[in-house]
Amino acid sequence: MPVQRLKEFLDRNSVHYVVIIHSRAYTAAAIAAITHIPGNEIAKNVMVRLDGQLAMAVVPASRYLDLDALRSSVGAKDVSLVTEKEFEGTFPDCEVGAMPPFGVLYDMPVYIDDRLSKDLEIAFNAGSHRELVRLAYKDFERLQHPRVLQIATRSEAERGKRIA
């Protein structure tokens, strides 16, 4: 079960968390709808390459990652999105695209949008497309030590534009 490694890590560090089992879903919007958790409370993990190094950029599910903001915030020359095919072997204990935002488990940096840092709790994929973990943001921050930045932009829906 993919969530096992994450659960062991959280248990070792005395973190109180809840695992939410839901129907299989592949997008943050679908997960929000299925679990009845607002999209701005679900953390979406976006894989990026910063000057050649893999990193996790975590934004609210209701927002988009702003690559220019990330580039300028971290001082990188080259920032690009990474396809699932490019990182599928990096998270051997996770379903592709469902890795939790704990780079500490995979030896990579994590950058998180400041909106998520203001919430009391954070919910995110737990290694599968059927499980979420919800825990206190302060526990996430204590274990992960993410770099908190302003890296998300409003979605087209939030801007009032029609989505094709």
C-alpha atoms as a PDB file:
ATOM      1  CA  MET A   1       0.000   0.000   0.000  1.00  0.00           C
ATOM      2  CA  PRO A   2       1.603   3.315  -1.120  1.00  0.00           C
ATOM      3  CA  VAL A   3       0.580   5.279   1.959  1.00  0.00           C
ATOM      4  CA  GLN A   4       2.631   2.960   4.237  1.00  0.00           C
ATOM      5  CA  ARG A   5       5.954   4.810   3.972  1.00  0.00           C
ATOM      6  CA  LEU A   6       4.291   8.136   4.693  1.00  0.00           C
ATOM      7  CA  LYS A   7       2.316   6.728   7.637  1.00  0.00           C
ATOM      8  CA  GLU A   8       5.465   5.220   9.172  1.00  0.00           C
ATOM      9  CA  PHE A   9       7.251   8.573   8.812  1.00  0.00           C
ATOM     10  CA  LEU A  10       4.377  10.469  10.441  1.00  0.00           C
ATOM     11  CA  ASP A  11       4.008   7.880  13.218  1.00  0.00           C
ATOM     12  CA  ARG A  12       7.761   7.986  13.982  1.00  0.00           C
ATOM     13  CA  ASN A  13       7.444  11.735  14.387  1.00  0.00           C
ATOM     14  CA  SER A  14       4.307  11.614  16.589  1.00  0.00           C
ATOM     15  CA  VAL A  15       2.075  13.395  14.083  1.00  0.00           C
ATOM     16  CA  HIS A  16      -1.696  13.184  14.385  1.00  0.00           C
ATOM     17  CA  TYR A  17      -3.199  12.688  10.910  1.00  0.00           C
ATOM     18  CA  VAL A  18      -6.276  11.348   9.176  1.00  0.00           C
ATOM     19  CA  VAL A  19      -6.258   9.140   6.080  1.00  0.00           C
ATOM     20  CA  ILE A  20      -9.212   9.819   3.795  1.00  0.00           C
ATOM     21  CA  ILE A  21     -10.096   7.008   1.398  1.00  0.00           C
ATOM     22  CA  HIS A  22     -11.980   8.106  -1.731  1.00  0.00           C
ATOM     23  CA  SER A  23     -12.927   6.894  -5.193  1.00  0.00           C
ATOM     24  CA  ARG A  24     -10.034   6.845  -7.658  1.00  0.00           C
ATOM     25  CA  ALA A  25      -9.361  10.397  -8.874  1.00  0.00           C
ATOM     26  CA  TYR A  26      -6.486  11.834 -10.886  1.00  0.00           C
ATOM     27  CA  THR A  27      -6.981  15.586 -10.622  1.00  0.00           C
ATOM     28  CA  ALA A  28      -7.017  17.868  -7.627  1.00  0.00           C
ATOM     29  CA  ALA A  29     -10.406  19.244  -8.702  1.00  0.00           C
ATOM     30  CA  ALA A  30     -11.904  15.741  -8.787  1.00  0.00           C
ATOM     31  CA  ILE A  31     -10.426  14.915  -5.380  1.00  0.00           C
ATOM     32  CA  ALA A  32     -11.878  18.119  -3.934  1.00  0.00           C
ATOM     33  CA  ALA A  33     -15.315  17.264  -5.316  1.00  0.00           C
ATOM     34  CA  ILE A  34     -15.244  13.634  -4.142  1.00  0.00           C
ATOM     35  CA  THR A  35     -13.970  14.414  -0.637  1.00  0.00           C
ATOM     36  CA  HIS A  36     -15.983  17.629  -0.183  1.00  0.00           C
ATOM     37  CA  ILE A  37     -12.808  19.467   0.777  1.00  0.00           C
ATOM     38  CA  PRO A  38     -12.500  22.919  -0.836  1.00  0.00           C
ATOM     39  CA  GLY A  39      -9.808  23.071  -3.527  1.00  0.00           C
ATOM     40  CA  ASN A  40      -7.996  25.852  -1.708  1.00  0.00           C
ATOM     41  CA  GLU A  41      -7.448  23.440   1.230  1.00  0.00           C
ATOM     42  CA  ILE A  42      -5.930  20.626  -0.828  1.00  0.00           C
ATOM     43  CA  ALA A  43      -2.229  20.821  -1.596  1.00  0.00           C
ATOM     44  CA  LYS A  44      -1.353  19.984  -5.198  1.00  0.00           C
ATOM     45  CA  ASN A  45       2.181  18.743  -5.772  1.00  0.00           C
ATOM     46  CA  VAL A  46       3.686  19.973  -9.059  1.00  0.00           C
ATOM     47  CA  MET A  47       7.016  18.521 -10.122  1.00  0.00           C
ATOM     48  CA  VAL A  48       9.504  21.016 -11.538  1.00  0.00           C
ATOM     49  CA  ARG A  49      13.105  21.111 -12.607  1.00  0.00           C
ATOM     50  CA  LEU A  50      15.108  24.059 -11.236  1.00  0.00           C
ATOM     51  CA  ASP A  51      18.430  24.484 -12.998  1.00  0.00           C
ATOM     52  CA  GLY A  52      18.461  20.745 -13.671  1.00  0.00           C
ATOM     53  CA  GLN A  53      17.397  19.600 -10.173  1.00  0.00           C
ATOM     54  CA  LEU A  54      14.026  17.971  -9.433  1.00  0.00           C
ATOM     55  CA  ALA A  55      11.908  19.791  -6.867  1.00  0.00           C
ATOM     56  CA  MET A  56       8.353  19.845  -5.568  1.00  0.00           C
ATOM     57  CA  ALA A  57       6.257  22.990  -5.905  1.00  0.00           C
ATOM     58  CA  VAL A  58       3.112  22.778  -3.775  1.00  0.00           C
ATOM     59  CA  VAL A  59       0.135  25.021  -4.476  1.00  0.00           C
ATOM     60  CA  PRO A  60      -3.551  25.024  -3.518  1.00  0.00           C
ATOM     61  CA  ALA A  61      -5.506  22.700  -5.805  1.00  0.00           C
ATOM     62  CA  SER A  62      -7.644  25.649  -6.890  1.00  0.00           C
ATOM     63  CA  ARG A  63      -4.602  27.541  -8.186  1.00  0.00           C
ATOM     64  CA  TYR A  64      -1.905  27.186 -10.827  1.00  0.00           C
ATOM     65  CA  LEU A  65       1.837  27.202 -10.299  1.00  0.00           C
ATOM     66  CA  ASP A  66       3.347  30.456 -11.557  1.00  0.00           C
ATOM     67  CA  LEU A  67       6.677  29.370 -13.064  1.00  0.00           C
ATOM     68  CA  ASP A  68       7.925  32.942 -13.395  1.00  0.00           C
ATOM     69  CA  ALA A  69       7.229  33.638  -9.716  1.00  0.00           C
ATOM     70  CA  LEU A  70       9.017  30.419  -8.747  1.00  0.00           C
ATOM     71  CA  ARG A  71      11.996  31.271 -10.981  1.00  0.00           C
ATOM     72  CA  SER A  72      12.387  34.720  -9.507  1.00  0.00           C
ATOM     73  CA  SER A  73      11.773  33.609  -5.900  1.00  0.00           C
ATOM     74  CA  VAL A  74      14.451  30.918  -5.943  1.00  0.00           C
ATOM     75  CA  GLY A  75      16.850  32.725  -8.267  1.00  0.00           C
ATOM     76  CA  ALA A  76      16.887  29.910 -10.815  1.00  0.00           C
ATOM     77  CA  LYS A  77      17.887  30.496 -14.425  1.00  0.00           C
ATOM     78  CA  ASP A  78      15.898  27.593 -15.823  1.00  0.00           C
ATOM     79  CA  VAL A  79      12.542  26.405 -14.466  1.00  0.00           C
ATOM     80  CA  SER A  80      10.321  23.887 -16.209  1.00  0.00           C
ATOM     81  CA  LEU A  81       7.463  21.527 -15.478  1.00  0.00           C
ATOM     82  CA  VAL A  82       8.409  17.856 -15.356  1.00  0.00           C
ATOM     83  CA  THR A  83       6.200  15.267 -17.029  1.00  0.00           C
ATOM     84  CA  GLU A  84       5.068  12.148 -15.194  1.00  0.00           C
ATOM     85  CA  LYS A  85       7.182  10.066 -17.556  1.00  0.00           C
ATOM     86  CA  GLU A  86      10.282  12.018 -16.441  1.00  0.00           C
ATOM     87  CA  PHE A  87       9.778  11.409 -12.710  1.00  0.00           C
ATOM     88  CA  GLU A  88       7.918   8.089 -12.543  1.00  0.00           C
ATOM     89  CA  GLY A  89      10.925   6.175 -11.140  1.00  0.00           C
ATOM     90  CA  THR A  90      11.675   8.821  -8.507  1.00  0.00           C
ATOM     91  CA  PHE A  91       8.815   7.736  -6.230  1.00  0.00           C
ATOM     92  CA  PRO A  92       8.891   3.919  -6.326  1.00  0.00           C
ATOM     93  CA  ASP A  93       6.429   3.547  -3.453  1.00  0.00           C
ATOM     94  CA  CYS A  94       3.820   5.846  -5.033  1.00  0.00           C
ATOM     95  CA  GLU A  95       1.417   5.701  -7.922  1.00  0.00           C
ATOM     96  CA  VAL A  96       2.630   8.033 -10.664  1.00  0.00           C
ATOM     97  CA  GLY A  97       1.440  11.570  -9.935  1.00  0.00           C
ATOM     98  CA  ALA A  98       0.167  10.843  -6.413  1.00  0.00           C
ATOM     99  CA  MET A  99       3.307  11.453  -4.351  1.00  0.00           C
ATOM    100  CA  PRO A 100       2.957  13.350  -1.072  1.00  0.00           C
ATOM    101  CA  PRO A 101       4.657  16.758  -0.731  1.00  0.00           C
ATOM    102  CA  PHE A 102       7.332  15.385   1.582  1.00  0.00           C
ATOM    103  CA  GLY A 103      10.539  15.870  -0.370  1.00  0.00           C
ATOM    104  CA  VAL A 104      12.410  14.865   2.781  1.00  0.00           C
ATOM    105  CA  LEU A 105      11.335  11.281   1.979  1.00  0.00           C
ATOM    106  CA  TYR A 106      12.797  11.526  -1.536  1.00  0.00           C
ATOM    107  CA  ASP A 107      15.801  13.806  -1.053  1.00  0.00           C
ATOM    108  CA  MET A 108      14.441  16.858  -2.856  1.00  0.00           C
ATOM    109  CA  PRO A 109      13.501  20.421  -1.944  1.00  0.00           C
ATOM    110  CA  VAL A 110       9.910  21.538  -1.428  1.00  0.00           C
ATOM    111  CA  TYR A 111       8.590  25.008  -2.224  1.00  0.00           C
ATOM    112  CA  ILE A 112       5.080  25.774  -0.955  1.00  0.00           C
ATOM    113  CA  ASP A 113       2.742  28.617  -1.738  1.00  0.00           C
ATOM    114  CA  ASP A 114       2.208  30.947   1.195  1.00  0.00           C
ATOM    115  CA  ARG A 115      -1.586  30.509   1.029  1.00  0.00           C
ATOM    116  CA  LEU A 116      -1.236  26.919   2.242  1.00  0.00           C
ATOM    117  CA  SER A 117       1.021  27.985   5.090  1.00  0.00           C
ATOM    118  CA  LYS A 118      -1.803  30.131   6.480  1.00  0.00           C
ATOM    119  CA  ASP A 119      -4.215  27.196   6.833  1.00  0.00           C
ATOM    120  CA  LEU A 120      -4.493  25.253  10.080  1.00  0.00           C
ATOM    121  CA  GLU A 121      -4.525  21.960   8.152  1.00  0.00           C
ATOM    122  CA  ILE A 122      -3.167  20.646   4.882  1.00  0.00           C
ATOM    123  CA  ALA A 123      -4.526  17.709   2.839  1.00  0.00           C
ATOM    124  CA  PHE A 124      -2.623  15.984   0.038  1.00  0.00           C
ATOM    125  CA  ASN A 125      -2.225  12.791  -1.973  1.00  0.00           C
ATOM    126  CA  ALA A 126      -0.714  10.049   0.148  1.00  0.00           C
ATOM    127  CA  GLY A 127       0.969   8.027  -2.578  1.00  0.00           C
ATOM    128  CA  SER A 128      -2.125   6.716  -4.331  1.00  0.00           C
ATOM    129  CA  HIS A 129      -5.024   8.109  -6.340  1.00  0.00           C
ATOM    130  CA  ARG A 130      -7.412   6.819  -3.668  1.00  0.00           C
ATOM    131  CA  GLU A 131      -5.959   8.230  -0.426  1.00  0.00           C
ATOM    132  CA  LEU A 132      -5.456  11.671   1.067  1.00  0.00           C
ATOM    133  CA  VAL A 133      -3.733  12.556   4.303  1.00  0.00           C
ATOM    134  CA  ARG A 134      -4.883  15.514   6.353  1.00  0.00           C
ATOM    135  CA  LEU A 135      -2.724  16.924   9.136  1.00  0.00           C
ATOM    136  CA  ALA A 136      -1.874  20.165  10.879  1.00  0.00           C
ATOM    137  CA  TYR A 137       0.156  22.515   8.704  1.00  0.00           C
ATOM    138  CA  LYS A 138       2.512  23.145  11.632  1.00  0.00           C
ATOM    139  CA  ASP A 139       3.384  19.422  11.667  1.00  0.00           C
ATOM    140  CA  PHE A 140       3.992  19.434   7.917  1.00  0.00           C
ATOM    141  CA  GLU A 141       6.254  22.465   8.314  1.00  0.00           C
ATOM    142  CA  ARG A 142       8.103  20.951  11.279  1.00  0.00           C
ATOM    143  CA  LEU A 143       8.947  17.761   9.374  1.00  0.00           C
ATOM    144  CA  GLN A 144       9.473  19.110   5.864  1.00  0.00           C
ATOM    145  CA  HIS A 145      10.830  22.646   6.381  1.00  0.00           C
ATOM    146  CA  PRO A 146       9.465  23.824   3.027  1.00  0.00           C
ATOM    147  CA  ARG A 147      10.498  27.138   1.586  1.00  0.00           C
ATOM    148  CA  VAL A 148       7.355  29.309   1.725  1.00  0.00           C
ATOM    149  CA  LEU A 149       6.937  31.540  -1.337  1.00  0.00           C
ATOM    150  CA  GLN A 150       4.266  33.331  -3.350  1.00  0.00           C
ATOM    151  CA  ILE A 151       4.231  30.916  -6.304  1.00  0.00           C
ATOM    152  CA  ALA A 152       0.554  30.355  -7.138  1.00  0.00           C
ATOM    153  CA  THR A 153      -1.690  32.273  -9.453  1.00  0.00           C
ATOM    154  CA  ARG A 154      -5.438  32.245  -9.773  1.00  0.00           C
ATOM    155  CA  SER A 155      -7.031  29.671 -12.051  1.00  0.00           C
ATOM    156  CA  GLU A 156      -9.040  30.723 -15.068  1.00  0.00           C
ATOM    157  CA  ALA A 157     -12.216  29.889 -13.140  1.00  0.00           C
ATOM    158  CA  GLU A 158     -11.171  32.208 -10.312  1.00  0.00           C
ATOM    159  CA  ARG A 159     -10.482  34.947 -12.841  1.00  0.00           C
ATOM    160  CA  GLY A 160     -13.981  34.492 -14.240  1.00  0.00           C
ATOM    161  CA  LYS A 161     -12.815  33.281 -17.645  1.00  0.00           C
ATOM    162  CA  ARG A 162     -14.521  30.527 -19.509  1.00  0.00           C
ATOM    163  CA  ILE A 163     -12.580  27.262 -19.455  1.00  0.00           C
ATOM    164  CA  ALA A 164     -12.610  25.335 -22.732  1.00  0.00           C
END
